[in-house]
Protein backbone atom coordinates (compact mmCIF):
# COMPACT_ATOMS: atom_id res chain seq x y z
CA MET A 1 0.30 22.98 0.55
CA ASP A 2 3.60 21.79 -0.94
CA MET A 3 4.75 18.20 -0.85
CA LYS A 4 7.16 18.67 2.02
CA ALA A 5 4.39 20.14 4.18
CA LEU A 6 1.98 17.38 3.13
CA SER A 7 4.61 14.75 4.17
CA GLU A 8 5.26 16.40 7.53
CA TRP A 9 1.54 16.74 8.33
CA THR A 10 0.86 13.16 7.31
CA LEU A 11 3.74 11.81 9.49
CA GLU A 12 2.39 13.87 12.38
CA ILE A 13 -1.12 12.40 12.02
CA LEU A 14 0.24 8.88 11.76
CA ARG A 15 2.42 9.26 14.83
CA ARG A 16 -0.42 10.76 16.84
CA ALA A 17 -2.43 7.67 15.87
CA ASP A 18 0.32 5.43 17.29
CA PHE A 19 1.78 4.41 13.96
CA GLU A 20 5.50 3.91 13.53
CA ALA A 21 6.16 5.83 10.33
CA ALA A 22 9.06 6.85 8.08
CA GLY A 23 9.45 9.10 5.06
CA ILE A 24 11.34 7.88 2.01
CA ARG A 25 14.19 10.03 0.76
CA SER A 26 15.28 9.10 -2.72
CA THR A 27 16.23 10.71 -6.06
CA ARG A 28 14.19 8.04 -7.82
CA SER A 29 10.56 8.42 -8.79
CA MET A 30 8.87 6.37 -6.03
CA ASN A 31 5.69 4.24 -5.89
CA PHE A 32 5.28 5.37 -2.26
CA ASP A 33 6.59 8.21 -0.13
CA LEU A 34 5.75 7.04 3.39
CA VAL A 35 5.62 3.63 5.10
CA ALA A 36 3.74 3.16 8.40
CA ARG A 37 2.85 0.31 10.74
CA ARG A 38 0.50 -0.08 13.65
CA ASP A 39 0.30 -3.58 15.09
CA ASP A 40 -0.52 -5.85 12.15
CA LEU A 41 -1.44 -3.03 9.77
CA LEU A 42 1.29 -2.01 7.33
CA THR A 43 0.50 0.74 4.82
CA LEU A 44 2.35 2.30 1.95
CA ILE A 45 1.35 5.89 1.25
CA LYS A 46 1.78 7.86 -1.98
CA LEU A 47 1.46 11.61 -1.74
CA MET A 48 0.19 13.52 -4.76
CA GLU A 49 -0.72 17.17 -5.38
CA ASP A 50 -2.97 16.11 -8.25
CA ARG A 51 -4.43 12.62 -8.16
CA ARG A 52 -5.16 12.80 -11.90
CA LYS A 53 -1.43 12.37 -12.50
CA PHE A 54 -1.48 8.99 -10.78
CA SER A 55 -1.63 6.63 -13.75
CA THR A 56 -3.10 3.13 -14.23
CA ARG A 57 0.48 1.78 -14.40
CA ASP A 58 1.38 3.63 -11.14
CA SER A 59 -1.60 1.97 -9.48
CA SER A 60 -0.70 -1.44 -10.84
CA ASP A 61 2.89 -1.09 -9.56
CA MET A 62 1.77 0.07 -6.14
CA ARG A 63 -0.85 -2.66 -5.76
CA TYR A 64 1.73 -5.23 -6.78
CA LEU A 65 4.28 -4.07 -4.20
CA SER A 66 1.63 -3.77 -1.49
CA ARG A 67 0.44 -7.29 -2.13
CA VAL A 68 4.01 -8.71 -1.92
CA LEU A 69 4.59 -6.90 1.39
CA SER A 70 1.08 -7.65 2.75
CA ALA A 71 0.53 -3.92 2.97
CA SER A 72 -2.43 -1.63 2.32
CA PRO A 73 -1.82 1.05 -0.36
CA LEU A 74 -3.16 4.54 0.13
CA LEU A 75 -3.10 7.62 -2.08
CA LEU A 76 -3.20 10.93 -0.22
CA VAL A 77 -3.94 14.45 -1.54
CA PRO A 78 -3.72 17.69 0.37
CA SER A 79 -7.26 19.01 -0.32
CA PRO A 80 -10.50 18.21 -2.14
CA GLN A 81 -10.26 17.61 -5.87
CA GLY A 82 -13.25 17.22 -8.18
CA ASP A 83 -15.65 14.59 -6.78
CA LEU A 84 -13.13 13.71 -4.02
CA GLN A 85 -14.28 15.74 -1.05
CA ASP A 86 -13.37 15.67 2.65
CA GLY A 87 -14.96 12.65 4.28
CA VAL A 88 -15.21 10.81 0.92
CA LEU A 89 -13.08 7.95 -0.21
CA SER A 90 -12.18 7.42 -3.90
CA LEU A 91 -11.41 4.02 -5.35
CA SER A 92 -9.87 5.14 -8.62
CA HIS A 93 -7.53 2.58 -10.13
CA GLY A 94 -8.18 0.30 -7.16
CA ILE A 95 -6.19 2.42 -4.71
CA PRO A 96 -8.11 4.02 -1.81
CA THR A 97 -7.67 7.78 -2.12
CA MET A 98 -8.51 10.48 0.45
CA THR A 99 -7.69 14.01 1.53
CA LEU A 100 -5.41 14.84 4.41
CA ALA A 101 -8.43 16.05 6.37
CA THR A 102 -10.20 12.69 5.86
CA LEU A 103 -7.13 10.81 7.12
CA LYS A 104 -7.08 13.00 10.27
CA GLU A 105 -10.81 12.49 10.88
CA HIS A 106 -10.40 8.71 10.46
CA LEU A 107 -7.26 8.24 12.58
CA ILE A 108 -7.44 10.99 15.17
CA GLU A 109 -11.09 11.81 15.53
CA ASP A 110 -12.34 8.20 14.95
CA VAL A 111 -14.74 9.32 12.20
CA PRO A 112 -14.27 6.90 9.28
CA PRO A 113 -15.35 7.85 5.73
CA MET A 114 -18.87 6.62 4.89
CA VAL A 115 -19.10 7.49 1.20
CA TYR A 116 -16.93 6.47 -1.74
CA THR A 117 -16.80 7.89 -5.23
CA SER A 118 -16.50 5.77 -8.29
CA SER A 119 -17.43 6.29 -11.97
CA GLY A 120 -18.74 9.74 -11.23
CA GLY A 121 -21.19 8.81 -8.51
CA HIS A 122 -21.28 8.65 -4.73
CA TYR A 123 -21.88 5.23 -3.17
CA VAL A 124 -22.04 3.59 0.20
CA ALA A 125 -21.66 0.10 1.62
CA LEU A 126 -24.79 -1.42 3.10
CA ASP A 127 -25.34 -3.99 5.77
CA GLY A 128 -27.19 -6.38 3.52
CA GLU A 129 -28.15 -8.92 6.17
CA ARG A 130 -29.52 -6.25 8.47
CA MET A 131 -31.42 -4.80 5.55
CA ARG A 132 -33.05 -8.18 4.76
CA ARG A 133 -33.99 -8.78 8.39
CA ALA A 134 -35.52 -5.33 8.73
CA ARG A 135 -37.52 -5.75 5.48
CA GLU A 136 -38.86 -9.15 6.50
CA ARG A 137 -39.62 -7.96 10.05
CA SER A 138 -41.68 -5.14 8.58
CA GLY A 139 -43.47 -7.47 6.22
CA ILE A 140 -42.30 -5.57 3.14
CA SER A 141 -41.82 -7.57 -0.02
CA LEU A 142 -38.88 -7.18 -2.35
CA GLY A 143 -41.15 -5.69 -5.02
CA ALA A 144 -42.77 -3.20 -2.61
CA LEU A 145 -39.46 -1.93 -1.29
CA ALA A 146 -38.12 -1.67 -4.85
CA LYS A 147 -41.13 0.41 -5.89
CA ASP A 148 -40.86 2.61 -2.80
CA VAL A 149 -37.25 3.56 -3.37
CA GLY A 150 -37.31 3.64 -7.15
CA VAL A 151 -35.14 0.67 -8.11
CA SER A 152 -35.67 -2.83 -9.58
CA ARG A 153 -36.53 -5.88 -7.46
CA ARG A 154 -33.22 -7.36 -8.66
CA ALA A 155 -31.34 -4.36 -7.28
CA VAL A 156 -32.89 -4.83 -3.79
CA GLN A 157 -31.80 -8.46 -3.88
CA MET A 158 -28.26 -7.32 -4.77
CA TYR A 159 -28.18 -4.79 -1.97
CA GLU A 160 -29.16 -7.52 0.45
CA SER A 161 -26.34 -9.63 -0.90
CA GLY A 162 -23.77 -6.96 -0.13
CA MET A 163 -23.66 -4.73 -3.26
CA GLY A 164 -22.90 -1.07 -2.69
CA ALA A 165 -25.67 1.41 -3.37
CA ASP A 166 -25.99 4.97 -4.65
CA LEU A 167 -25.98 7.34 -1.66
CA GLU A 168 -29.44 8.79 -2.38
CA ILE A 169 -30.97 5.30 -2.84
CA ALA A 170 -29.34 4.08 0.41
CA ILE A 171 -30.89 7.00 2.29
CA ARG A 172 -34.35 6.16 0.82
CA ILE A 173 -33.92 2.54 1.90
CA GLU A 174 -33.01 3.55 5.45
CA GLU A 175 -36.05 5.83 5.57
CA ALA A 176 -38.35 3.10 4.25
CA LEU A 177 -37.12 0.49 6.68
CA LYS A 178 -36.46 2.89 9.57
CA VAL A 179 -33.04 1.38 10.31
CA THR A 180 -29.39 2.42 9.89
CA LEU A 181 -27.75 0.43 7.12
CA ILE A 182 -24.81 2.47 5.84
CA LEU A 183 -21.49 1.01 6.97
CA PRO A 184 -18.24 2.84 7.68
CA LEU A 185 -15.43 2.27 5.20
CA ASP A 186 -11.99 0.96 6.09
CA PRO A 187 -9.46 2.61 3.75
CA PHE A 188 -6.77 0.22 5.01
CA SER A 189 -8.60 -3.04 4.17
CA ARG A 190 -6.80 -5.24 1.70
CA SER A 191 -8.54 -6.89 -1.23
CA GLU A 192 -8.09 -10.62 -1.58
CA GLU A 193 -8.02 -10.24 -5.40
CA LEU A 194 -4.60 -10.98 -6.77
CA ASP A 195 -3.45 -9.41 -9.99
CA GLU A 196 -1.30 -11.70 -12.05
CA ILE A 197 1.23 -9.04 -13.11
CA ARG A 198 4.59 -10.31 -11.83
CA ASP A 199 5.65 -11.71 -15.18
CA SER A 200 5.12 -8.32 -16.80
CA MET A 201 7.64 -6.64 -14.56
CA SER A 202 11.02 -5.77 -16.01
CA ARG A 203 14.11 -7.01 -14.19
CA GLY A 204 16.15 -3.99 -15.14
CA GLU A 205 19.22 -3.73 -17.24
CA GLY A 206 22.97 -4.15 -17.02
CA LEU A 207 24.58 -5.14 -13.75
CA SER A 208 21.28 -4.96 -11.89
CA SER A 209 19.86 -7.62 -14.11
CA GLU A 210 22.98 -9.77 -13.82
CA VAL A 211 22.92 -9.59 -9.96
CA LEU A 212 19.21 -10.44 -9.77
CA GLU A 213 19.60 -13.30 -12.24
CA HIS A 214 22.47 -14.75 -10.19
CA LEU A 215 20.39 -14.48 -6.95
CA ASP A 216 17.64 -16.35 -8.80
CA ARG A 217 20.10 -19.08 -9.96
CA ILE A 218 21.41 -19.80 -6.48
CA GLY A 219 17.87 -20.27 -5.19
CA MET A 220 16.55 -16.92 -4.05
CA GLU A 221 13.03 -16.00 -5.02
CA VAL A 222 13.39 -12.64 -6.86
CA ILE A 223 10.47 -10.22 -7.15
CA PRO A 224 11.35 -7.10 -9.16
CA THR A 225 9.96 -3.84 -7.67
CA PRO A 226 9.78 -0.87 -10.06
CA LYS A 227 9.82 2.67 -8.66
CA CYS A 228 11.02 1.72 -5.23
CA PRO A 229 14.06 2.57 -3.11
CA PHE A 230 15.06 -1.04 -3.69
CA ASP A 231 15.36 -2.98 -6.96
CA ALA A 232 13.74 -6.25 -5.82
CA LEU A 233 12.28 -8.14 -2.98
CA THR A 234 14.19 -11.40 -2.51
CA ARG A 235 13.16 -14.33 -0.36
CA ALA A 236 15.30 -17.07 1.16
CA GLU A 237 15.23 -19.31 4.22
CA GLY A 238 11.97 -17.78 5.39
CA GLU A 239 13.23 -14.20 5.23
CA MET A 240 12.14 -11.43 2.93
CA PHE A 241 14.92 -8.97 1.95
CA MET A 242 14.63 -5.57 0.29
CA THR A 243 17.46 -5.72 -2.18
CA SER A 244 19.02 -2.76 -3.87
CA ILE A 245 21.95 -2.42 -6.29
CA GLY A 246 24.00 0.78 -5.68
CA ASP A 247 27.19 2.51 -6.73
CA PRO A 248 29.75 2.90 -3.91
CA GLY A 249 29.48 6.71 -3.91
CA ALA A 250 28.12 9.33 -1.57
CA SER A 251 24.47 8.43 -2.48
CA ILE A 252 24.88 4.91 -1.03
CA ASN A 253 24.79 6.41 2.52
CA ARG A 254 21.35 7.89 1.87
CA LEU A 255 20.25 4.57 0.30
CA GLY A 256 21.44 2.57 3.31
CA THR A 257 19.69 4.86 5.76
CA THR A 258 16.48 4.79 3.71
CA LEU A 259 16.42 1.01 3.60
CA SER A 260 17.18 0.84 7.32
CA ASN A 261 14.20 3.12 8.02
CA ILE A 262 11.88 1.01 5.87
CA SER A 263 13.18 -2.21 7.45
CA ARG A 264 12.43 -0.76 10.95
CA VAL A 265 8.79 -0.08 10.03
CA THR A 266 8.05 -3.07 7.81
CA GLY A 267 9.94 -5.74 9.82
CA ASN A 268 11.64 -6.98 6.58
CA GLU A 269 15.44 -7.03 6.35
CA SER A 270 17.40 -5.38 3.56
CA PHE A 271 20.84 -5.44 1.94
CA ILE A 272 22.66 -3.48 -0.76
CA VAL A 273 24.69 -5.08 -3.54
CA THR A 274 27.46 -2.61 -4.43
CA THR A 275 28.81 -2.29 -7.97
CA GLY A 276 32.36 -1.96 -6.66
CA PRO A 277 34.43 -2.58 -3.49
CA VAL A 278 33.60 -0.62 -0.35
CA LYS A 279 35.32 -0.44 3.02
CA ALA A 280 32.11 -0.33 5.10
CA ARG A 281 30.29 -3.55 5.93
CA ASN A 282 26.91 -1.92 6.52
CA ILE A 283 25.23 1.44 6.63
CA ALA A 284 22.81 2.15 9.52
CA GLY A 285 22.41 -1.56 9.94
CA THR A 286 21.88 -2.29 6.21
CA PRO A 287 24.45 -4.88 5.03
CA LEU A 288 26.67 -4.07 2.04
CA ILE A 289 27.57 -6.97 -0.23
CA SER A 290 29.75 -6.43 -3.35
CA ALA A 291 28.56 -7.73 -6.72
CA ARG A 292 31.71 -9.89 -6.77
CA GLU A 293 30.77 -11.48 -3.40
CA VAL A 294 27.30 -12.22 -4.74
CA LYS A 295 28.67 -13.91 -7.84
CA ASP A 296 31.26 -15.84 -5.85
CA SER A 297 28.52 -17.24 -3.54
CA ARG A 298 28.12 -20.98 -4.30
CA ASP A 299 24.68 -21.29 -2.91
CA ILE A 300 21.91 -19.51 -1.12
CA ASN A 301 23.03 -20.53 2.33
CA GLU A 302 26.51 -18.99 1.89
CA LEU A 303 25.04 -15.67 0.77
CA VAL A 304 22.41 -15.52 3.50
CA ASP A 305 25.09 -16.29 6.13
CA LEU A 306 27.17 -13.39 4.79
CA ILE A 307 24.19 -11.02 4.85
CA ARG A 308 23.42 -12.03 8.47
CA HIS A 309 27.05 -11.57 9.52
CA ARG A 310 27.20 -8.08 8.01
CA ARG A 311 23.92 -7.24 9.67
CA LYS A 312 25.25 -8.25 13.14
CA ILE A 313 28.27 -6.05 12.69
CA GLY A 314 26.03 -3.02 12.57
CA ARG A 315 24.17 -4.01 15.73
CA ARG A 316 27.14 -4.47 18.06
């Protein structure tokens, strides 16, 4: 399956599952290829033919962007690869990874993955509280259960505290206690762990850097976003803007449409800072602001008012 087919099939699955979804068209190398929302769940999806080509830096960049947007990152491959089989979730590099078939089973057939692979093994999440109650109700001590399933007493305590277990060991525990303990996995759950990586992000070079630095000086919070259709996320007056710097050529039309589609799904507004003058005031609802207009803005309020005015022009 080629990447175009993978994208089309994924969008079809998402839409059948009542997601609003959009594909990203860009000549850049992107951290994500699809964006989708259903109710409060926002997800950024990266499509890969070979997940081994998804580097640690790619993962770090994608988790960073997902955290800023309050989104769930997901890596999707067309078919089983190595220890990643259909129905199994991989947590390599901290990004949930699954096959297209697993996504369909989860979203369309309501069959969530139950097993995850990590460090070469297959593991499951256990209901530790239910395990403890079942053990105590049966009058089985920690040591006796540990001996029965072939693990240490400490390991049993850890399972009851919520630690994941090897699949075979989990099955033995369920058989010993005669109770179902394996929990379904939610590939869209967001970790509360925050990686402190913002300061390591480059702000770009040349005019892009000048524009972003000026936005920062007049009071906008600027969050650089590598490998995205936009150069930064900027925040002002309670609004988050996807901000891109673009040349006023033919490609700016595609950029404007792409940002408009992402804005529609994520609920965040966007604007483009053009490197030269343009006649248009917005593209598909995405405001266009020249670099000169940005530099002439005396404060954040003046710039935000201009962005909002250009946005309204496109919605009349």
